[in-house]
Structures are given as C-alpha cells and as structure tokens.
Amino acid sequence: MKKNLIIGGCTNYGINELKPWVLSINEHMKNAHKVMCVGNATKETRDWLVEQGFEIVDMPQANITVHVLRFLSIYEYLRQNWEKFDYVITTDVKDVIFQQNPFPELDSRIKLSNKDLIFSSESMKYKDEPWGNQNLLETYGPYIYNKFKDNEIYNVGVLAGKANAMRDLCLNIFLAAIGRPIPICDQSTFNVMINM
C-alpha cells in the first residue's frame, strides 16, 4: 500500500523555526512519510529532524534562493520516489501549522474534482496585495503584469496533489523561476503558469 508524503525545504533555519511545523505534522500525520530538503543547517538541527522521524535530503549547492531551489529538490526526490506515494503535500516550513491531518480532505477533494492538484488561495487579487503586486511586476515587467494583476493570487507555499502531478509541478515551478530578474519569484511564476 502506498503512503502519503509531507515534504518541505529549508536553509539557515534552526530547531526553533522548524518546531511548530514539525510537531504539528507529528501530531496529526502519524502515518505520513516525512521529508525535509535541507540546505545550510547545523548538525543539531539535522539530528533533531531525524529524531522527529524526518528523512533528510540535501539540497544541491547552487546560487539560487531557497524559495526556488526547494522545488528542484522536491522534484528530484519525487522523480526517484513518486511511485511510493499516493498524495504529496509541500508547504512553507516556517509559517504553516497543521491543525488536523489534511490527507483525508485532500483525497476527498481530488476525487470530487477529478483533478490532480489542489491549490490554496490568498483570497485577494495581485493589484490589492502590495508585496505580490510588486513581485509580479518585477518578475515579468509591465506587459505581463497588466495581463495578470486582476487575477486571484494562489499560494505557492501550500501545494498538494497526486504524487506524479506534484513531481511535474515542482519541476515546472523551478524552470519558470530560474533566470528571472529577481531571485524570489516562485509565487509569481507559479501563478502565471496556473492561469494559462
């Protein structure tokens, strides 16, 4: 029987930054496989993650911000392991806390929608959210910005779906984000991609 996977990525975070995310997973997702893609971290942090039941995957060394590099790491992990999992959830690890096991709800929504992926909304339009608005403009320039500024923002920091679809999505986010004029552009590239 296949398992479900919860996977995140971090660099330069310690135990205190990771503890809320990790402990909420351990409380609510006892049967999920847990993976942390790790860039720069102390031995103490790595050992603690292992003690908490996480498989550690080293991020590649690259001059790319962790916001973007995590998607390459997640893709590479899924490329090698996707057949082991039914569903995959990846989230930001510093500002997400689970209050219940999300996998039953994910299963229900995937089956009802007959879709492979589920995204979470920021519940506002780009033009109404200052950071996202500026990020979209700086990532693409005025032409593309004007085409997408009235769109609802979807959060790249909370993604879920079938394992093979998540594998492909993570690679596409990475490929869309590299070579852009600003380093942190994972959310804007993801949003343009899913609105096409």
Protein backbone atom coordinates (compact mmCIF):
# COMPACT_ATOMS: atom_id res chain seq x y z
CA MET A 1 0.00 0.00 0.00
CA LYS A 2 1.28 3.47 -0.91
CA LYS A 3 1.90 6.14 1.71
CA ASN A 4 1.32 9.88 1.68
CA LEU A 5 4.23 12.30 1.74
CA ILE A 6 4.69 15.62 3.52
CA ILE A 7 7.80 17.43 2.30
CA GLY A 8 9.37 20.82 2.91
CA GLY A 9 12.59 22.67 2.34
CA CYS A 10 14.73 24.92 4.49
CA THR A 11 18.10 26.56 4.82
CA ASN A 12 19.53 28.60 7.69
CA TYR A 13 16.65 27.58 9.98
CA GLY A 14 17.17 26.13 13.42
CA ILE A 15 15.03 23.95 15.63
CA ASN A 16 13.01 26.89 16.97
CA GLU A 17 11.91 27.97 13.48
CA LEU A 18 11.04 24.42 12.42
CA LYS A 19 9.45 23.16 15.63
CA PRO A 20 5.84 24.35 15.09
CA TRP A 21 5.66 22.80 11.60
CA VAL A 22 7.40 19.56 12.58
CA LEU A 23 5.45 18.99 15.80
CA SER A 24 2.11 19.71 14.12
CA ILE A 25 2.94 17.09 11.47
CA ASN A 26 3.94 14.58 14.11
CA GLU A 27 0.70 15.19 16.00
CA HIS A 28 -1.66 14.94 13.04
CA MET A 29 0.04 12.87 10.32
CA LYS A 30 1.36 9.82 12.12
CA ASN A 31 1.29 7.57 9.04
CA ALA A 32 2.73 10.02 6.52
CA HIS A 33 6.27 9.78 5.23
CA LYS A 34 8.11 12.96 6.26
CA VAL A 35 10.96 14.56 4.31
CA MET A 36 12.92 17.78 4.79
CA CYS A 37 15.11 19.07 1.96
CA VAL A 38 17.92 20.83 3.81
CA GLY A 39 20.43 23.41 2.64
CA ASN A 40 22.54 25.03 5.33
CA ALA A 41 21.71 23.65 8.78
CA THR A 42 23.59 22.75 11.93
CA LYS A 43 24.25 19.15 12.91
CA GLU A 44 21.99 19.75 15.91
CA THR A 45 19.09 20.76 13.63
CA ARG A 46 19.65 17.83 11.28
CA ASP A 47 19.87 15.37 14.18
CA TRP A 48 16.69 16.79 15.70
CA LEU A 49 14.80 16.38 12.39
CA VAL A 50 15.92 12.75 12.19
CA GLU A 51 14.81 12.22 15.81
CA GLN A 52 11.42 13.62 14.80
CA GLY A 53 11.13 10.96 12.09
CA PHE A 54 12.13 13.02 9.06
CA GLU A 55 14.18 11.75 6.16
CA ILE A 56 16.83 14.37 5.34
CA VAL A 57 17.57 15.19 1.70
CA ASP A 58 20.43 17.56 0.94
CA MET A 59 19.62 20.42 -1.38
CA PRO A 60 22.05 20.87 -4.24
CA GLN A 61 24.61 23.62 -3.86
CA ALA A 62 23.56 26.39 -6.21
CA ASN A 63 23.48 30.17 -6.27
CA ILE A 64 19.67 30.13 -6.23
CA THR A 65 17.41 31.31 -3.42
CA VAL A 66 15.88 28.56 -1.27
CA HIS A 67 12.41 29.73 -2.31
CA VAL A 68 13.15 28.41 -5.81
CA LEU A 69 15.76 25.74 -5.08
CA ARG A 70 13.36 23.80 -2.82
CA PHE A 71 11.25 22.98 -5.89
CA LEU A 72 14.22 21.40 -7.64
CA SER A 73 14.97 19.37 -4.50
CA ILE A 74 11.36 18.24 -4.16
CA TYR A 75 11.21 17.37 -7.85
CA GLU A 76 14.39 15.31 -7.61
CA TYR A 77 13.09 13.43 -4.58
CA LEU A 78 9.76 12.75 -6.31
CA ARG A 79 11.46 11.82 -9.58
CA GLN A 80 13.10 8.95 -7.75
CA ASN A 81 10.28 8.06 -5.36
CA TRP A 82 6.89 9.20 -6.70
CA GLU A 83 5.58 5.68 -7.23
CA LYS A 84 5.76 5.05 -3.46
CA PHE A 85 3.19 7.75 -2.68
CA ASP A 86 -0.49 8.43 -3.31
CA TYR A 87 -0.55 12.10 -2.34
CA VAL A 88 2.09 14.74 -1.67
CA ILE A 89 1.79 17.95 0.31
CA THR A 90 4.52 20.56 0.36
CA THR A 91 4.33 23.75 2.37
CA ASP A 92 6.47 26.54 3.68
CA VAL A 93 8.01 25.30 6.90
CA LYS A 94 8.26 28.48 8.96
CA ASP A 95 4.71 29.81 8.83
CA VAL A 96 2.44 26.77 8.36
CA ILE A 97 0.96 24.74 11.22
CA PHE A 98 -1.35 21.76 10.76
CA GLN A 99 -4.43 21.60 12.96
CA GLN A 100 -5.57 18.23 11.60
CA ASN A 101 -4.49 15.60 9.11
CA PRO A 102 -5.04 17.17 5.66
CA PHE A 103 -4.73 13.94 3.67
CA PRO A 104 -8.36 12.72 4.10
CA GLU A 105 -9.67 16.11 2.92
CA LEU A 106 -7.18 16.12 0.05
CA ASP A 107 -8.32 12.65 -1.02
CA SER A 108 -11.96 13.74 -0.92
CA ARG A 109 -11.36 16.94 -2.93
CA ILE A 110 -9.19 15.21 -5.53
CA LYS A 111 -11.85 12.54 -6.09
CA LEU A 112 -14.72 15.05 -6.21
CA SER A 113 -12.95 17.43 -8.58
CA ASN A 114 -11.36 14.76 -10.77
CA LYS A 115 -8.24 16.96 -10.73
CA ASP A 116 -4.69 16.01 -9.79
CA LEU A 117 -3.69 19.13 -7.84
CA ILE A 118 -5.18 21.38 -5.16
CA PHE A 119 -4.02 24.97 -4.59
CA SER A 120 -4.79 27.41 -1.81
CA SER A 121 -5.90 30.95 -2.46
CA GLU A 122 -4.63 34.11 -0.83
CA SER A 123 -8.22 35.39 -1.30
CA MET A 124 -7.14 38.63 -2.93
CA LYS A 125 -6.06 39.93 -6.30
CA TYR A 126 -2.49 40.80 -7.17
CA LYS A 127 -3.26 44.50 -7.54
CA ASP A 128 -4.65 44.53 -3.98
CA GLU A 129 -1.66 42.93 -2.25
CA PRO A 130 1.42 45.22 -2.19
CA TRP A 131 4.20 42.60 -1.94
CA GLY A 132 2.68 40.24 -4.52
CA ASN A 133 1.80 43.12 -6.84
CA GLN A 134 5.39 44.39 -6.86
CA ASN A 135 6.75 40.84 -7.16
CA LEU A 136 4.62 40.16 -10.24
CA LEU A 137 5.72 43.44 -11.85
CA GLU A 138 9.42 42.86 -11.12
CA THR A 139 9.30 39.24 -12.30
CA TYR A 140 7.65 39.91 -15.67
CA GLY A 141 7.60 43.63 -16.43
CA PRO A 142 4.58 45.79 -17.27
CA TYR A 143 3.12 43.84 -20.22
CA ILE A 144 2.59 40.54 -18.38
CA TYR A 145 1.86 42.37 -15.13
CA ASN A 146 -1.08 44.17 -16.76
CA LYS A 147 -2.45 40.84 -18.04
CA PHE A 148 -2.38 39.17 -14.60
CA LYS A 149 -2.79 41.94 -11.97
CA ASP A 150 -6.57 41.35 -11.70
CA ASN A 151 -6.12 37.61 -11.04
CA GLU A 152 -6.58 35.99 -7.67
CA ILE A 153 -3.28 35.03 -6.01
CA TYR A 154 -2.64 31.35 -5.29
CA ASN A 155 -0.12 30.47 -2.60
CA VAL A 156 2.94 28.59 -3.82
CA GLY A 157 3.74 27.86 -0.16
CA VAL A 158 0.90 25.32 0.21
CA LEU A 159 0.59 22.80 -2.63
CA ALA A 160 -0.97 19.35 -2.69
CA GLY A 161 -1.91 16.62 -5.11
CA LYS A 162 -1.18 13.28 -6.66
CA ALA A 163 2.48 12.33 -6.48
CA ASN A 164 3.17 12.32 -10.22
CA ALA A 165 1.43 15.67 -10.72
CA MET A 166 3.32 17.23 -7.81
CA ARG A 167 6.58 15.95 -9.26
CA ASP A 168 5.88 17.66 -12.58
CA LEU A 169 4.56 20.84 -10.97
CA CYS A 170 7.69 21.27 -8.84
CA LEU A 171 9.96 20.96 -11.86
CA ASN A 172 7.86 23.45 -13.80
CA ILE A 173 7.92 25.99 -10.94
CA PHE A 174 11.70 25.67 -10.77
CA LEU A 175 12.16 26.02 -14.52
CA ALA A 176 9.82 29.02 -14.73
CA ALA A 177 11.60 30.81 -11.87
CA ILE A 178 15.26 30.48 -12.85
CA GLY A 179 16.83 33.26 -14.89
CA ARG A 180 14.29 35.88 -13.83
CA PRO A 181 15.34 39.44 -12.96
CA ILE A 182 14.60 38.90 -9.25
CA PRO A 183 15.60 35.90 -7.11
CA ILE A 184 12.33 35.34 -5.21
CA CYS A 185 9.76 34.78 -7.94
CA ASP A 186 8.35 31.33 -7.22
CA GLN A 187 4.87 32.64 -6.40
CA SER A 188 4.56 34.94 -9.41
CA THR A 189 5.82 32.32 -11.88
CA PHE A 190 3.54 29.70 -10.35
CA ASN A 191 0.53 31.99 -10.64
CA VAL A 192 1.19 32.89 -14.26
CA MET A 193 1.66 29.21 -15.05
CA ILE A 194 -1.61 28.01 -13.49
CA ASN A 195 -3.63 30.85 -15.02
CA MET A 196 -2.74 29.84 -18.58
